[in-house]
Every structure is written in C-alpha cells, then in structure tokens.
Amino acid sequence: MLATDTLKQQAGAYAADLVQSGMRIGLGTGSTAIHATRRIAQRLTSGELRKIRAIPTSRATEAAAIELRIPLVSFADCQRIDMTIDGADEVDPALNLIKGGGGALLREKIVAQSTDRFVIVVDESKLSPRLGSLFAVPVEVVEFGWQAQARFLESLGANVIMRRNGGELYRTDQGNLILDCNFGPIEDVQELASMLNARAGLVEHGLFIGMARQVVVAGAAGIRVLRAEP
C-alpha cells in the first residue's frame, strides 16, 4: 500500500499539470496542496509553463511560493482567478467540503469564490458519505466574545474545542481564533452553513458548499477525478 504522502504527491502533481501558460492561479494551503505548488514551480523552471501569476491562500503558502520563485499577484491587480488548486479535510459525494485544518479557511474561501475552476486534491481517505463523519468543522471567530460563539455552536449540537498551538491559542493569519466543532455526520450542510453565516462574531466556517468543480483523488488503484454535476 502506498504511503499517504505519496498519494498526496500524486494528486497534487496531477492537478498541477492541468495549469496552462498565462493563467492566474490560486495556491492552496496544506500538506497536499503544497505538492501542487512544488510541481507548478518545476514546470516554470523547466520552461513548460510561462506567464503564470499566483495568489496564495496563506502566509505559509506565500513564503513557499517566493522560495520556489513562483510570481505572485494580489487581488488589486487580478479580478478573476482561472484555477485554484487546494486540499480538503473531507469530501462528500456531492463534492461539498470541510476545509480549514491548516487554519487558512478564510483566505481559502475568498480565493475559491473568485475562481473559475476550483480543483481539490486529496488522498482517498478524505472521501466521506456525509460531511462531519471524519472531521470537525473549523469555525474562525473574533477573540471578543468567543465564549458566546462557543455556546451558540454547542446549541447547534457541536462538541467545541478551542484550537491551540502547543500551549498557546492558535491564531489565524488575521489574528483570529479557531473553534473546531464536531457536529458528527451533518444532516443538512446547507442549513448549517446558513446558520453559521448569519451569526455575528463568526468570521468564517470550513463548510465549502457547491464550490469544487473537480476533486482529484489519489488511491492505491491510481488517480481518479470526480466532477460536479452541471
């Protein structure tokens, strides 16, 4: 059986080979998306790709892109993104996602919503019959009143854990906190997302609904591509 990191590398490389010269691309965050970023850099170095400009979804990805000499651009100079390649923590049969395990859910969603083609790369362990079966939903909250937000999330049925980095509170690139909310298998992801969207103090949540157009899945039998219904 192939190691998980090998599967992640295969998925990332496959998606990176979908990128064409002249594209504006979004660079995702996490242990699978970084493989796509590295492969894009290899193609640029070899001359196979030209005139690529990228928007990173986190400071960590930005640092990696600079080190790999991938030209960057900001939203001030880029109205739309042709393609974004990113990972996911969980994927359901409708290609809805839970994202945010790496803490970049806000920037990831901003980039995803500005993208014409949102491509997800995962290993097969991330596939799930129903979101929430495998992974908690990350919820980014402002520090002020976070206890009230935790109680609200608990009232919706979640087991809420404050994310930490060692002994310190985990902070996003925006300086916010993350509450990891285990709802168990979620009966209606759209309804839950709507309730989270309406709550003041919740900056963003890790439910990405109806955004992914393709999911590249690496498994022991090779690569397969799941596509959203038109």
C-alpha atoms as a PDB file:
ATOM      1  CA  MET A   1       0.000   0.000   0.000  1.00  0.00           C
ATOM      2  CA  LEU A   2       1.311   3.455  -0.921  1.00  0.00           C
ATOM      3  CA  ALA A   3       2.170   5.878   1.872  1.00  0.00           C
ATOM      4  CA  THR A   4      -0.264   8.735   2.400  1.00  0.00           C
ATOM      5  CA  ASP A   5       2.308  11.368   1.466  1.00  0.00           C
ATOM      6  CA  THR A   6       2.982   9.564  -1.815  1.00  0.00           C
ATOM      7  CA  LEU A   7      -0.739   9.657  -2.608  1.00  0.00           C
ATOM      8  CA  LYS A   8      -0.867  13.360  -1.764  1.00  0.00           C
ATOM      9  CA  GLN A   9       2.077  13.983  -4.056  1.00  0.00           C
ATOM     10  CA  GLN A  10       0.385  12.109  -6.910  1.00  0.00           C
ATOM     11  CA  ALA A  11      -2.852  14.082  -6.525  1.00  0.00           C
ATOM     12  CA  GLY A  12      -1.023  17.395  -6.325  1.00  0.00           C
ATOM     13  CA  ALA A  13       1.120  16.673  -9.363  1.00  0.00           C
ATOM     14  CA  TYR A  14      -1.884  15.590 -11.443  1.00  0.00           C
ATOM     15  CA  ALA A  15      -3.752  18.811 -10.682  1.00  0.00           C
ATOM     16  CA  ALA A  16      -0.674  20.963 -11.254  1.00  0.00           C
ATOM     17  CA  ASP A  17      -0.370  19.524 -14.750  1.00  0.00           C
ATOM     18  CA  LEU A  18      -3.815  20.990 -15.536  1.00  0.00           C
ATOM     19  CA  VAL A  19      -2.370  24.512 -15.251  1.00  0.00           C
ATOM     20  CA  GLN A  20      -1.695  26.228 -18.570  1.00  0.00           C
ATOM     21  CA  SER A  21       0.597  29.092 -19.506  1.00  0.00           C
ATOM     22  CA  GLY A  22      -0.843  32.552 -18.957  1.00  0.00           C
ATOM     23  CA  MET A  23      -3.176  31.501 -16.152  1.00  0.00           C
ATOM     24  CA  ARG A  24      -3.850  33.331 -12.921  1.00  0.00           C
ATOM     25  CA  ILE A  25      -3.902  30.603 -10.294  1.00  0.00           C
ATOM     26  CA  GLY A  26      -4.736  30.241  -6.618  1.00  0.00           C
ATOM     27  CA  LEU A  27      -2.266  28.310  -4.493  1.00  0.00           C
ATOM     28  CA  GLY A  28      -3.861  26.328  -1.692  1.00  0.00           C
ATOM     29  CA  THR A  29      -2.624  25.608   1.806  1.00  0.00           C
ATOM     30  CA  GLY A  30      -1.813  22.293   3.417  1.00  0.00           C
ATOM     31  CA  SER A  31       0.090  19.052   3.041  1.00  0.00           C
ATOM     32  CA  THR A  32      -1.481  18.053  -0.285  1.00  0.00           C
ATOM     33  CA  ALA A  33      -1.732  21.472  -1.931  1.00  0.00           C
ATOM     34  CA  ILE A  34       1.976  22.120  -1.347  1.00  0.00           C
ATOM     35  CA  HIS A  35       2.793  19.258  -3.708  1.00  0.00           C
ATOM     36  CA  ALA A  36       0.830  21.024  -6.452  1.00  0.00           C
ATOM     37  CA  THR A  37       2.705  24.249  -5.735  1.00  0.00           C
ATOM     38  CA  ARG A  38       6.049  22.461  -6.000  1.00  0.00           C
ATOM     39  CA  ARG A  39       5.069  20.812  -9.270  1.00  0.00           C
ATOM     40  CA  ILE A  40       3.959  24.160 -10.711  1.00  0.00           C
ATOM     41  CA  ALA A  41       7.372  25.578  -9.768  1.00  0.00           C
ATOM     42  CA  GLN A  42       9.104  22.670 -11.529  1.00  0.00           C
ATOM     43  CA  ARG A  43       7.121  23.315 -14.693  1.00  0.00           C
ATOM     44  CA  LEU A  44       8.006  27.013 -14.556  1.00  0.00           C
ATOM     45  CA  THR A  45      11.689  26.277 -14.062  1.00  0.00           C
ATOM     46  CA  SER A  46      11.745  23.860 -16.982  1.00  0.00           C
ATOM     47  CA  GLY A  47      10.038  26.387 -19.255  1.00  0.00           C
ATOM     48  CA  GLU A  48       6.991  24.172 -19.731  1.00  0.00           C
ATOM     49  CA  LEU A  49       4.869  26.912 -18.120  1.00  0.00           C
ATOM     50  CA  ARG A  50       5.153  30.642 -18.803  1.00  0.00           C
ATOM     51  CA  LYS A  51       3.500  33.848 -17.653  1.00  0.00           C
ATOM     52  CA  ILE A  52       1.906  32.363 -14.547  1.00  0.00           C
ATOM     53  CA  ARG A  53       0.744  34.650 -11.745  1.00  0.00           C
ATOM     54  CA  ALA A  54      -0.423  33.249  -8.419  1.00  0.00           C
ATOM     55  CA  ILE A  55      -2.410  34.305  -5.356  1.00  0.00           C
ATOM     56  CA  PRO A  56      -1.505  32.333  -2.210  1.00  0.00           C
ATOM     57  CA  THR A  57      -4.144  31.396   0.382  1.00  0.00           C
ATOM     58  CA  SER A  58      -1.920  31.814   3.443  1.00  0.00           C
ATOM     59  CA  ARG A  59       1.322  33.352   4.622  1.00  0.00           C
ATOM     60  CA  ALA A  60       2.874  29.886   4.687  1.00  0.00           C
ATOM     61  CA  THR A  61       1.956  29.284   1.043  1.00  0.00           C
ATOM     62  CA  GLU A  62       3.159  32.767   0.126  1.00  0.00           C
ATOM     63  CA  ALA A  63       6.550  32.027   1.706  1.00  0.00           C
ATOM     64  CA  ALA A  64       6.778  28.716  -0.149  1.00  0.00           C
ATOM     65  CA  ALA A  65       5.859  30.355  -3.463  1.00  0.00           C
ATOM     66  CA  ILE A  66       8.501  33.059  -3.013  1.00  0.00           C
ATOM     67  CA  GLU A  67      11.126  30.422  -2.193  1.00  0.00           C
ATOM     68  CA  LEU A  68      10.081  28.437  -5.281  1.00  0.00           C
ATOM     69  CA  ARG A  69      10.142  31.606  -7.425  1.00  0.00           C
ATOM     70  CA  ILE A  70       6.503  31.500  -8.438  1.00  0.00           C
ATOM     71  CA  PRO A  71       5.441  35.034  -9.460  1.00  0.00           C
ATOM     72  CA  LEU A  72       2.731  36.409  -7.174  1.00  0.00           C
ATOM     73  CA  VAL A  73      -0.064  38.885  -7.743  1.00  0.00           C
ATOM     74  CA  SER A  74      -2.681  40.458  -5.488  1.00  0.00           C
ATOM     75  CA  PHE A  75      -6.418  40.983  -5.893  1.00  0.00           C
ATOM     76  CA  ALA A  76      -5.645  44.639  -6.577  1.00  0.00           C
ATOM     77  CA  ASP A  77      -4.215  43.526  -9.921  1.00  0.00           C
ATOM     78  CA  CYS A  78      -6.286  40.410 -10.593  1.00  0.00           C
ATOM     79  CA  GLN A  79     -10.075  40.448 -10.966  1.00  0.00           C
ATOM     80  CA  ARG A  80     -10.578  36.709 -11.509  1.00  0.00           C
ATOM     81  CA  ILE A  81      -8.553  33.555 -10.960  1.00  0.00           C
ATOM     82  CA  ASP A  82      -8.573  30.947 -13.716  1.00  0.00           C
ATOM     83  CA  MET A  83      -7.875  27.951 -11.490  1.00  0.00           C
ATOM     84  CA  THR A  84      -7.220  27.260  -7.821  1.00  0.00           C
ATOM     85  CA  ILE A  85      -5.726  24.021  -6.546  1.00  0.00           C
ATOM     86  CA  ASP A  86      -6.347  23.319  -2.881  1.00  0.00           C
ATOM     87  CA  GLY A  87      -6.754  20.423  -0.481  1.00  0.00           C
ATOM     88  CA  ALA A  88      -9.661  19.394   1.736  1.00  0.00           C
ATOM     89  CA  ASP A  89     -10.139  17.609   5.033  1.00  0.00           C
ATOM     90  CA  GLU A  90     -13.326  15.840   3.955  1.00  0.00           C
ATOM     91  CA  VAL A  91     -15.276  15.451   0.693  1.00  0.00           C
ATOM     92  CA  ASP A  92     -18.850  14.188   0.349  1.00  0.00           C
ATOM     93  CA  PRO A  93     -20.440  12.603  -2.764  1.00  0.00           C
ATOM     94  CA  ALA A  94     -21.772  15.999  -3.923  1.00  0.00           C
ATOM     95  CA  LEU A  95     -18.215  17.417  -3.699  1.00  0.00           C
ATOM     96  CA  ASN A  96     -19.075  19.578  -0.709  1.00  0.00           C
ATOM     97  CA  LEU A  97     -16.059  20.043   1.519  1.00  0.00           C
ATOM     98  CA  ILE A  98     -14.801  20.605   5.014  1.00  0.00           C
ATOM     99  CA  LYS A  99     -11.650  22.715   4.909  1.00  0.00           C
ATOM    100  CA  GLY A 100      -9.615  24.636   7.452  1.00  0.00           C
ATOM    101  CA  GLY A 101      -7.471  22.012   9.128  1.00  0.00           C
ATOM    102  CA  GLY A 102      -4.492  24.167   8.237  1.00  0.00           C
ATOM    103  CA  GLY A 103      -6.155  27.281   9.628  1.00  0.00           C
ATOM    104  CA  ALA A 104      -6.437  29.176   6.318  1.00  0.00           C
ATOM    105  CA  LEU A 105     -10.181  28.750   5.739  1.00  0.00           C
ATOM    106  CA  LEU A 106     -10.983  32.468   5.394  1.00  0.00           C
ATOM    107  CA  ARG A 107      -8.376  33.220   2.748  1.00  0.00           C
ATOM    108  CA  GLU A 108      -9.082  29.878   1.072  1.00  0.00           C
ATOM    109  CA  LYS A 109     -12.770  30.722   0.716  1.00  0.00           C
ATOM    110  CA  ILE A 110     -12.043  34.232  -0.573  1.00  0.00           C
ATOM    111  CA  VAL A 111      -9.823  32.742  -3.266  1.00  0.00           C
ATOM    112  CA  ALA A 112     -12.267  29.921  -4.039  1.00  0.00           C
ATOM    113  CA  GLN A 113     -15.155  32.350  -4.551  1.00  0.00           C
ATOM    114  CA  SER A 114     -13.023  34.353  -7.000  1.00  0.00           C
ATOM    115  CA  THR A 115     -12.044  31.278  -9.030  1.00  0.00           C
ATOM    116  CA  ASP A 116     -13.498  29.999 -12.286  1.00  0.00           C
ATOM    117  CA  ARG A 117     -12.268  26.436 -11.722  1.00  0.00           C
ATOM    118  CA  PHE A 118     -11.792  25.196  -8.160  1.00  0.00           C
ATOM    119  CA  VAL A 119      -9.839  21.928  -8.144  1.00  0.00           C
ATOM    120  CA  ILE A 120      -9.449  19.899  -4.952  1.00  0.00           C
ATOM    121  CA  VAL A 121      -6.650  17.386  -4.376  1.00  0.00           C
ATOM    122  CA  VAL A 122      -6.984  14.639  -1.764  1.00  0.00           C
ATOM    123  CA  ASP A 123      -5.993  11.101  -0.954  1.00  0.00           C
ATOM    124  CA  GLU A 124      -8.848   8.616  -0.819  1.00  0.00           C
ATOM    125  CA  SER A 125      -9.015   8.652   2.999  1.00  0.00           C
ATOM    126  CA  LYS A 126     -10.725  12.068   2.775  1.00  0.00           C
ATOM    127  CA  LEU A 127     -13.816  10.740   0.982  1.00  0.00           C
ATOM    128  CA  SER A 128     -16.873  10.525   3.206  1.00  0.00           C
ATOM    129  CA  PRO A 129     -20.543   9.565   2.802  1.00  0.00           C
ATOM    130  CA  ARG A 130     -21.580  12.625   4.821  1.00  0.00           C
ATOM    131  CA  LEU A 131     -19.637  15.690   5.962  1.00  0.00           C
ATOM    132  CA  GLY A 132     -18.800  15.621   9.641  1.00  0.00           C
ATOM    133  CA  SER A 133     -18.276  11.864   9.689  1.00  0.00           C
ATOM    134  CA  LEU A 134     -14.491  12.232   9.629  1.00  0.00           C
ATOM    135  CA  PHE A 135     -13.613  15.790  10.553  1.00  0.00           C
ATOM    136  CA  ALA A 136     -14.755  18.632  12.776  1.00  0.00           C
ATOM    137  CA  VAL A 137     -15.874  21.897  11.165  1.00  0.00           C
ATOM    138  CA  PRO A 138     -13.355  24.689  11.835  1.00  0.00           C
ATOM    139  CA  VAL A 139     -15.019  27.990  12.694  1.00  0.00           C
ATOM    140  CA  GLU A 140     -12.933  31.167  12.739  1.00  0.00           C
ATOM    141  CA  VAL A 141     -14.105  33.650  15.367  1.00  0.00           C
ATOM    142  CA  VAL A 142     -13.015  37.048  16.625  1.00  0.00           C
ATOM    143  CA  GLU A 143     -11.499  36.931  20.088  1.00  0.00           C
ATOM    144  CA  PHE A 144     -14.067  39.300  21.584  1.00  0.00           C
ATOM    145  CA  GLY A 145     -16.982  37.253  22.871  1.00  0.00           C
ATOM    146  CA  TRP A 146     -15.640  33.936  21.634  1.00  0.00           C
ATOM    147  CA  GLN A 147     -17.221  32.196  24.628  1.00  0.00           C
ATOM    148  CA  ALA A 148     -20.648  33.325  23.395  1.00  0.00           C
ATOM    149  CA  GLN A 149     -19.862  31.875  19.982  1.00  0.00           C
ATOM    150  CA  ALA A 150     -18.797  28.596  21.562  1.00  0.00           C
ATOM    151  CA  ARG A 151     -22.114  28.394  23.431  1.00  0.00           C
ATOM    152  CA  PHE A 152     -24.020  29.167  20.227  1.00  0.00           C
ATOM    153  CA  LEU A 153     -22.189  26.397  18.378  1.00  0.00           C
ATOM    154  CA  GLU A 154     -22.864  23.987  21.233  1.00  0.00           C
ATOM    155  CA  SER A 155     -26.563  24.876  20.991  1.00  0.00           C
ATOM    156  CA  LEU A 156     -26.434  23.643  17.387  1.00  0.00           C
ATOM    157  CA  GLY A 157     -25.165  20.276  18.606  1.00  0.00           C
ATOM    158  CA  ALA A 158     -21.409  20.691  18.290  1.00  0.00           C
ATOM    159  CA  ASN A 159     -18.720  19.497  20.648  1.00  0.00           C
ATOM    160  CA  VAL A 160     -16.494  22.606  20.605  1.00  0.00           C
ATOM    161  CA  ILE A 161     -12.734  22.610  21.174  1.00  0.00           C
ATOM    162  CA  MET A 162     -10.593  25.727  21.094  1.00  0.00           C
ATOM    163  CA  ARG A 163      -7.678  25.122  18.737  1.00  0.00           C
ATOM    164  CA  ARG A 164      -4.264  25.533  20.295  1.00  0.00           C
ATOM    165  CA  ASN A 165      -0.704  25.643  19.058  1.00  0.00           C
ATOM    166  CA  GLY A 166       1.244  23.965  21.813  1.00  0.00           C
ATOM    167  CA  GLY A 167       0.229  25.753  24.979  1.00  0.00           C
ATOM    168  CA  GLU A 168      -0.905  28.908  23.196  1.00  0.00           C
ATOM    169  CA  LEU A 169      -4.177  29.744  21.485  1.00  0.00           C
ATOM    170  CA  TYR A 170      -3.931  29.120  17.752  1.00  0.00           C
ATOM    171  CA  ARG A 171      -4.199  32.324  15.722  1.00  0.00           C
ATOM    172  CA  THR A 172      -5.020  32.627  12.050  1.00  0.00           C
ATOM    173  CA  ASP A 173      -3.189  34.899   9.624  1.00  0.00           C
ATOM    174  CA  GLN A 174      -5.840  37.509  10.523  1.00  0.00           C
ATOM    175  CA  GLY A 175      -5.189  37.115  14.270  1.00  0.00           C
ATOM    176  CA  ASN A 176      -8.494  35.353  14.914  1.00  0.00           C
ATOM    177  CA  LEU A 177      -9.207  32.165  16.878  1.00  0.00           C
ATOM    178  CA  ILE A 178     -10.491  28.822  15.616  1.00  0.00           C
ATOM    179  CA  LEU A 179     -13.126  26.682  17.283  1.00  0.00           C
ATOM    180  CA  ASP A 180     -13.111  23.103  15.999  1.00  0.00           C
ATOM    181  CA  CYS A 181     -16.742  21.963  16.062  1.00  0.00           C
ATOM    182  CA  ASN A 182     -17.567  18.280  15.940  1.00  0.00           C
ATOM    183  CA  PHE A 183     -21.189  18.021  14.808  1.00  0.00           C
ATOM    184  CA  GLY A 184     -20.935  14.377  13.846  1.00  0.00           C
ATOM    185  CA  PRO A 185     -22.468  13.473  10.458  1.00  0.00           C
ATOM    186  CA  ILE A 186     -24.272  16.628   9.314  1.00  0.00           C
ATOM    187  CA  GLU A 187     -27.837  16.070   8.137  1.00  0.00           C
ATOM    188  CA  ASP A 188     -28.171  19.320   6.147  1.00  0.00           C
ATOM    189  CA  VAL A 189     -24.908  21.116   5.400  1.00  0.00           C
ATOM    190  CA  GLN A 190     -26.624  23.996   3.615  1.00  0.00           C
ATOM    191  CA  GLU A 191     -28.866  24.721   6.589  1.00  0.00           C
ATOM    192  CA  LEU A 192     -25.925  24.597   8.992  1.00  0.00           C
ATOM    193  CA  ALA A 193     -23.867  26.878   6.760  1.00  0.00           C
ATOM    194  CA  SER A 194     -26.734  29.372   6.614  1.00  0.00           C
ATOM    195  CA  MET A 195     -26.988  29.475  10.427  1.00  0.00           C
ATOM    196  CA  LEU A 196     -23.242  29.988  10.752  1.00  0.00           C
ATOM    197  CA  ASN A 197     -23.245  32.714   8.085  1.00  0.00           C
ATOM    198  CA  ALA A 198     -25.910  34.652   9.990  1.00  0.00           C
ATOM    199  CA  ARG A 199     -24.077  34.760  13.330  1.00  0.00           C
ATOM    200  CA  ALA A 200     -22.129  37.902  14.259  1.00  0.00           C
ATOM    201  CA  GLY A 201     -18.658  37.122  15.531  1.00  0.00           C
ATOM    202  CA  LEU A 202     -18.230  34.075  13.319  1.00  0.00           C
ATOM    203  CA  VAL A 203     -15.750  35.293  10.735  1.00  0.00           C
ATOM    204  CA  GLU A 204     -15.897  32.194   8.531  1.00  0.00           C
ATOM    205  CA  HIS A 205     -16.519  28.461   8.654  1.00  0.00           C
ATOM    206  CA  GLY A 206     -14.993  25.456   6.950  1.00  0.00           C
ATOM    207  CA  LEU A 207     -18.062  24.303   5.004  1.00  0.00           C
ATOM    208  CA  PHE A 208     -17.338  24.835   1.291  1.00  0.00           C
ATOM    209  CA  ILE A 209     -20.623  24.037  -0.444  1.00  0.00           C
ATOM    210  CA  GLY A 210     -21.046  23.810  -4.200  1.00  0.00           C
ATOM    211  CA  MET A 211     -17.625  25.319  -4.927  1.00  0.00           C
ATOM    212  CA  ALA A 212     -15.466  22.417  -6.095  1.00  0.00           C
ATOM    213  CA  ARG A 213     -15.734  21.594  -9.796  1.00  0.00           C
ATOM    214  CA  GLN A 214     -13.247  18.720  -9.716  1.00  0.00           C
ATOM    215  CA  VAL A 215     -11.783  16.532  -6.980  1.00  0.00           C
ATOM    216  CA  VAL A 216      -8.568  14.684  -7.834  1.00  0.00           C
ATOM    217  CA  VAL A 217      -8.394  11.567  -5.675  1.00  0.00           C
ATOM    218  CA  ALA A 218      -5.212   9.517  -5.311  1.00  0.00           C
ATOM    219  CA  GLY A 219      -5.574   5.957  -4.094  1.00  0.00           C
ATOM    220  CA  ALA A 220      -3.937   2.563  -4.260  1.00  0.00           C
ATOM    221  CA  ALA A 221      -5.537   1.970  -7.675  1.00  0.00           C
ATOM    222  CA  GLY A 222      -4.238   5.276  -9.072  1.00  0.00           C
ATOM    223  CA  ILE A 223      -5.771   8.669  -9.825  1.00  0.00           C
ATOM    224  CA  ARG A 224      -9.462   9.244 -10.394  1.00  0.00           C
ATOM    225  CA  VAL A 225     -11.239  12.543 -10.972  1.00  0.00           C
ATOM    226  CA  LEU A 226     -14.658  13.308  -9.513  1.00  0.00           C
ATOM    227  CA  ARG A 227     -16.627  16.046 -11.250  1.00  0.00           C
ATOM    228  CA  ALA A 228     -19.504  18.149 -10.038  1.00  0.00           C
ATOM    229  CA  GLU A 229     -22.797  17.742 -11.819  1.00  0.00           C
ATOM    230  CA  PRO A 230     -23.641  20.635 -14.189  1.00  0.00           C
END
